[in-house]
């Protein structure tokens, strides 16, 4: 009788705990959901709404429909920014897909001192982009280290930061240099899962290093290459810091090196900032980045098929 009465006394609390269990996962997820809602969902919805208004920094604005998007079609700076952002993808993504893979294959080897080189290659990733940008500006300036070396060998000074296309390519080089270590780590994780037996079998069949690379390594890490292509494409299209630091707030000579994100910052900030118009540009950037992701994933699925 005592045992049954004790069990009866203990059963209600257990029932209450059992009833509370289904909601407990939401309690753990609540802090993360709150952060996502405040810093991601709310700004996204607010930007989407503002893109259909003529809102300014100190003026609430009114609904104007698609007027902001129609204005984009006739804005020369928008097309310049779209051109530069697209060129950035073309110049940066292939390098960030291939070079980190070769680098990962190099540092994967177990040779003395390779840990130092792994750390050295990863150092630019953890360095501040502002510091990195300023260092490269000092190096590429007309009186910088690179031009001093070029003048010493008789080539002469090169306007890396004054020529429209050289400035854009210099910014691309900084982006590639800073991203090599990050994507190298991703490739190292993928290469660790490639069976050694495949390389050994290819070697027995007489395949050299280059042939093994294309017939064994590339197919084994192809899904990782797709991931790197998607991540680097989105990052390249949204580039801001490198070009801003090297070209200045005006986007280089006559603003010819302005990117879309720089245009958003220039148009939408300040006491007279056109928040509604900048929001419309931001929506275009979002749509293009989503389209890039879908194109890369679709190409991957076609390759699988």
Foldseek 3Di string as FASTA:
>chain_A
DVVVVVCVVPVVVVVVVVVCVVCVVCVVCVVVVVCCVVPPVVVLVVLVVLLQFQDAPPRRTDGNGCPLVVVLVVDPLNVLQQVLLVVLLVLALVLLLPVLLVVLVVLVDDDPPSVVVLCVQQVLQPDDLLVLLVVLLQQLPQPHVVQVVCVVVPNHGDCCLADLVSVSVSLSVSVNSSCSSVLNVLSNVQVVPQDPVLVVVCVVVVDDPVRCCVPGVCVSCVVSSLVSSLVVSLCSSLDDSNQCSRQPLCRHDNNSNHHLNSVLVVQRDDNGHRSNSSSSSVVVSVVVSVVSNVVSVVVVVVVVD
